[in-house]
Amino acid sequence: MSQVNGITNVHQQNLYIAGSERARNADNKSFSSYMKETKSLDNIFEQAAKKYNVPVNLLKAIGKAESNFNPDAVSRAGAQGVMQLMPATAASLGVKDSFDPEQNIMGGAKYISQLLKKYDGNTKLALAAYNAGMGNVKKYGGIPPFKETQNYVVKVMKYMDQELGAGSVTTTVKSTAPVNIPVTASLHNRYYTIPQASKIITEDSNVLDTIFSEQDYLKLLDILLKEMEEDKEKDRY
């Protein structure tokens, strides 16, 4: 597909089509509402459990104990997200954004699955290593004599016996590539090129409420889609 105003692949085209559909089927919504999506944490936990062959009640128990299912949680030590992954650990697990609940939970599931294999399915040792590190488990030949770690293992094991509901969270939709469109929007005496607006989307989509109205957004999508169709017709000849 040739480049049309900076839209260079099918993913980006689908992103605009999906956005346009939402705009057409909604009334009186702000621009930022189009950049939000709701994720079911319960579904993510179930998917992670199947992918890494880990009991879903264990994953939920860890998420409950670590952050109370808060995707934005940050500990004093710097652990992040639902499963409280340290940045270095997250990177080693392939997690690029620890505050994305899906990436974070998948990363935590992958990590605990590795620990369960290492300790031959011993859940308590795996949890102790998750909390205090494998080095400490090796050093003490079992659960380390740290009050925090011992309480952590007891807490998670207790949560495993409960029916936990993780609920859902609303997150900001992030584009996988910059959208470079040579169009300038002017509202409220403020001027933004679309590349600048795209940057604002990733930083704080609510800012766009003062830049674009619903009609502005819809018109922009219609223009982009129309130009893509015209470009396709040109490519045929």
Protein backbone atom coordinates (compact mmCIF):
# COMPACT_ATOMS: atom_id res chain seq x y z
CA MET A 1 0.00 0.00 0.00
CA SER A 2 1.41 3.40 -0.91
CA GLN A 3 1.63 6.14 1.67
CA VAL A 4 -1.47 8.28 2.11
CA ASN A 5 -0.87 11.26 4.37
CA GLY A 6 1.41 9.21 6.56
CA ILE A 7 -0.87 6.17 6.90
CA THR A 8 1.49 3.46 5.73
CA ASN A 9 0.02 0.12 6.74
CA VAL A 10 -3.15 -1.88 7.15
CA HIS A 11 -3.02 -1.63 10.96
CA GLN A 12 -3.18 2.14 10.83
CA GLN A 13 -6.00 2.02 8.29
CA ASN A 14 -7.97 -0.33 10.52
CA LEU A 15 -7.31 1.98 13.48
CA TYR A 16 -8.91 4.90 11.63
CA ILE A 17 -11.82 2.78 10.40
CA ALA A 18 -12.52 1.55 13.93
CA GLY A 19 -12.34 5.09 15.24
CA SER A 20 -14.70 6.31 12.57
CA GLU A 21 -17.20 3.56 13.40
CA ARG A 22 -17.14 4.56 17.06
CA ALA A 23 -17.61 8.20 16.16
CA ARG A 24 -20.60 7.46 13.94
CA ASN A 25 -22.31 5.33 16.57
CA ALA A 26 -21.87 7.69 19.52
CA ASP A 27 -23.56 10.95 20.45
CA ASN A 28 -22.15 13.95 22.32
CA LYS A 29 -18.86 12.31 23.26
CA SER A 30 -15.56 14.08 23.78
CA PHE A 31 -12.54 13.29 21.61
CA SER A 32 -10.76 11.55 24.49
CA SER A 33 -13.62 9.06 24.77
CA TYR A 34 -12.65 7.65 21.38
CA MET A 35 -9.14 6.98 22.69
CA LYS A 36 -10.31 4.81 25.59
CA GLU A 37 -10.95 1.11 25.81
CA THR A 38 -12.12 -1.11 28.64
CA LYS A 39 -10.13 -4.22 29.44
CA SER A 40 -11.47 -7.03 31.61
CA LEU A 41 -8.73 -8.02 34.03
CA ASP A 42 -10.56 -11.27 34.72
CA ASN A 43 -10.33 -12.20 31.03
CA ILE A 44 -6.66 -11.24 30.89
CA PHE A 45 -5.91 -13.43 33.91
CA GLU A 46 -7.73 -16.34 32.27
CA GLN A 47 -5.83 -15.90 29.01
CA ALA A 48 -2.51 -15.66 30.84
CA ALA A 49 -3.31 -18.79 32.86
CA LYS A 50 -3.99 -20.77 29.70
CA LYS A 51 -0.97 -19.43 27.85
CA TYR A 52 1.53 -20.21 30.61
CA ASN A 53 -0.27 -23.20 32.14
CA VAL A 54 -0.61 -21.57 35.57
CA PRO A 55 -3.70 -21.82 37.81
CA VAL A 56 -5.81 -18.71 37.29
CA ASN A 57 -6.56 -18.51 41.01
CA LEU A 58 -2.80 -18.31 41.68
CA LEU A 59 -2.36 -15.45 39.21
CA LYS A 60 -5.30 -13.53 40.64
CA ALA A 61 -4.05 -14.14 44.19
CA ILE A 62 -0.68 -12.64 43.25
CA GLY A 63 -2.35 -9.66 41.58
CA LYS A 64 -4.53 -9.10 44.64
CA ALA A 65 -1.61 -9.33 47.07
CA GLU A 66 0.75 -7.25 44.98
CA SER A 67 -1.39 -4.29 43.97
CA ASN A 68 -5.04 -5.04 44.67
CA PHE A 69 -5.39 -5.21 40.86
CA ASN A 70 -4.22 -1.61 40.38
CA PRO A 71 -2.49 -1.18 36.97
CA ASP A 72 -0.96 2.14 38.09
CA ALA A 73 0.54 0.89 41.35
CA VAL A 74 4.19 1.69 42.07
CA SER A 75 5.96 0.37 45.16
CA ARG A 76 8.65 2.14 47.15
CA ALA A 77 11.17 -0.21 45.55
CA GLY A 78 9.98 0.74 42.06
CA ALA A 79 7.87 -2.34 41.22
CA GLN A 80 5.11 -1.49 38.77
CA GLY A 81 1.62 -2.45 37.73
CA VAL A 82 -0.84 -5.18 38.65
CA MET A 83 1.79 -7.87 39.24
CA GLN A 84 4.37 -5.40 40.59
CA LEU A 85 7.18 -6.17 38.16
CA MET A 86 10.55 -4.55 38.69
CA PRO A 87 11.72 -2.72 35.53
CA ALA A 88 14.65 -5.10 34.92
CA THR A 89 12.44 -8.15 35.43
CA ALA A 90 9.76 -6.72 33.15
CA ALA A 91 12.33 -6.10 30.41
CA SER A 92 13.63 -9.65 30.68
CA LEU A 93 10.08 -10.95 30.27
CA GLY A 94 9.46 -8.84 27.15
CA VAL A 95 7.14 -6.37 28.88
CA LYS A 96 7.54 -2.98 27.21
CA ASP A 97 4.94 -1.11 29.25
CA SER A 98 4.45 -2.31 32.83
CA PHE A 99 1.45 -0.02 33.22
CA ASP A 100 -0.41 -1.80 30.44
CA PRO A 101 -2.42 -4.37 32.45
CA GLU A 102 -2.37 -6.99 29.71
CA GLN A 103 1.39 -6.85 29.22
CA ASN A 104 1.96 -6.75 32.96
CA ILE A 105 -0.25 -9.71 33.81
CA MET A 106 1.17 -11.75 30.95
CA GLY A 107 4.66 -10.91 32.18
CA GLY A 108 3.81 -11.89 35.74
CA ALA A 109 2.26 -15.15 34.55
CA LYS A 110 5.35 -15.95 32.52
CA TYR A 111 7.59 -15.22 35.50
CA ILE A 112 5.66 -17.31 38.04
CA SER A 113 5.47 -20.17 35.53
CA GLN A 114 9.27 -20.10 35.26
CA LEU A 115 9.57 -20.14 39.04
CA LEU A 116 7.13 -23.05 39.39
CA LYS A 117 9.21 -25.06 36.93
CA LYS A 118 12.40 -24.18 38.77
CA TYR A 119 10.98 -25.35 42.11
CA ASP A 120 9.23 -28.44 40.70
CA GLY A 121 5.75 -27.06 41.22
CA ASN A 122 6.31 -25.96 44.81
CA THR A 123 3.98 -22.97 44.97
CA LYS A 124 5.31 -21.64 48.28
CA LEU A 125 8.91 -21.57 47.09
CA ALA A 126 7.87 -20.00 43.79
CA LEU A 127 5.99 -17.27 45.67
CA ALA A 128 8.93 -16.70 48.01
CA ALA A 129 11.20 -16.24 44.99
CA TYR A 130 8.64 -13.94 43.34
CA ASN A 131 8.72 -11.75 46.44
CA ALA A 132 12.31 -11.97 47.67
CA GLY A 133 14.23 -13.25 44.68
CA MET A 134 15.67 -16.62 43.75
CA GLY A 135 18.98 -15.70 45.35
CA ASN A 136 17.46 -15.46 48.80
CA VAL A 137 15.55 -18.72 48.39
CA LYS A 138 18.81 -20.43 47.46
CA LYS A 139 20.73 -18.71 50.26
CA TYR A 140 18.33 -19.83 52.99
CA GLY A 141 17.43 -23.17 51.44
CA GLY A 142 13.72 -22.36 51.36
CA ILE A 143 11.42 -19.49 52.27
CA PRO A 144 13.70 -16.69 53.54
CA PRO A 145 13.33 -15.65 57.20
CA PHE A 146 11.97 -12.27 56.17
CA LYS A 147 8.70 -11.32 57.84
CA GLU A 148 7.48 -9.62 54.66
CA THR A 149 8.15 -12.66 52.51
CA GLN A 150 6.67 -15.12 54.97
CA ASN A 151 3.53 -13.00 55.34
CA TYR A 152 3.38 -12.63 51.55
CA VAL A 153 3.36 -16.38 50.97
CA VAL A 154 0.64 -16.88 53.59
CA LYS A 155 -1.45 -14.05 52.12
CA VAL A 156 -1.27 -15.32 48.54
CA MET A 157 -2.06 -18.89 49.56
CA LYS A 158 -5.09 -17.56 51.46
CA TYR A 159 -6.28 -15.55 48.46
CA MET A 160 -5.99 -18.66 46.28
CA ASP A 161 -8.85 -20.23 48.24
CA GLN A 162 -11.13 -17.28 47.55
CA GLU A 163 -13.24 -16.42 44.51
CA LEU A 164 -11.50 -13.22 43.43
CA GLY A 165 -12.93 -10.83 40.88
CA ALA A 166 -10.33 -8.56 39.31
CA GLY A 167 -12.86 -6.37 37.50
CA SER A 168 -12.09 -4.15 34.53
CA VAL A 169 -10.00 -1.06 33.83
CA THR A 170 -10.21 1.72 31.26
CA THR A 171 -7.01 2.43 29.40
CA THR A 172 -5.86 4.86 26.73
CA VAL A 173 -5.59 3.43 23.23
CA LYS A 174 -2.07 3.85 21.90
CA SER A 175 -1.19 3.87 18.24
CA THR A 176 1.74 1.63 17.29
CA ALA A 177 3.17 4.24 14.92
CA PRO A 178 3.16 8.03 14.56
CA VAL A 179 0.55 9.51 12.26
CA ASN A 180 2.10 12.23 10.12
CA ILE A 181 -0.73 14.06 8.41
CA PRO A 182 -0.17 17.48 6.81
CA VAL A 183 -3.36 19.00 8.20
CA THR A 184 -3.68 21.84 10.70
CA ALA A 185 -6.59 22.08 13.11
CA SER A 186 -7.65 25.44 14.49
CA LEU A 187 -10.01 25.68 17.44
CA HIS A 188 -10.24 28.16 20.28
CA ASN A 189 -7.38 30.17 18.71
CA ARG A 190 -5.01 27.22 19.22
CA TYR A 191 -3.13 25.71 16.29
CA TYR A 192 -1.85 22.13 16.17
CA THR A 193 -0.51 20.05 13.35
CA ILE A 194 -1.74 16.46 13.45
CA PRO A 195 1.72 15.10 14.38
CA GLN A 196 1.62 17.39 17.43
CA ALA A 197 -1.90 16.24 18.22
CA SER A 198 -0.79 12.60 17.92
CA LYS A 199 1.88 13.26 20.52
CA ILE A 200 -0.74 14.75 22.82
CA ILE A 201 -2.86 11.61 22.43
CA THR A 202 -0.13 9.45 23.95
CA GLU A 203 0.54 11.94 26.74
CA ASP A 204 -2.97 12.95 27.75
CA SER A 205 -5.92 12.35 25.44
CA ASN A 206 -8.13 14.63 27.55
CA VAL A 207 -6.21 17.64 26.21
CA LEU A 208 -7.76 16.96 22.81
CA ASP A 209 -11.18 17.81 24.20
CA THR A 210 -10.15 21.47 23.86
CA ILE A 211 -8.82 20.95 20.32
CA PHE A 212 -11.26 18.69 18.46
CA SER A 213 -15.00 18.37 18.68
CA GLU A 214 -16.85 15.21 17.70
CA GLN A 215 -17.61 16.67 14.28
CA ASP A 216 -13.98 17.69 13.70
CA TYR A 217 -12.86 14.16 14.50
CA LEU A 218 -15.47 12.60 12.23
CA LYS A 219 -14.63 14.93 9.34
CA LEU A 220 -10.93 14.17 9.67
CA LEU A 221 -11.56 10.43 9.55
CA ASP A 222 -13.82 10.79 6.54
CA ILE A 223 -11.16 12.79 4.70
CA LEU A 224 -8.46 10.23 5.44
CA LEU A 225 -10.59 7.28 4.39
CA LYS A 226 -11.70 9.04 1.21
CA GLU A 227 -8.10 9.82 0.26
CA MET A 228 -7.08 6.23 0.89
CA GLU A 229 -9.82 5.01 -1.43
CA GLU A 230 -8.76 7.52 -4.09
CA ASP A 231 -5.15 6.39 -3.78
CA LYS A 232 -6.20 2.77 -4.23
CA GLU A 233 -8.03 3.69 -7.43
CA LYS A 234 -4.93 5.47 -8.76
CA ASP A 235 -2.76 2.44 -8.02
CA ARG A 236 -4.97 0.28 -10.21
CA TYR A 237 -4.03 2.24 -13.32
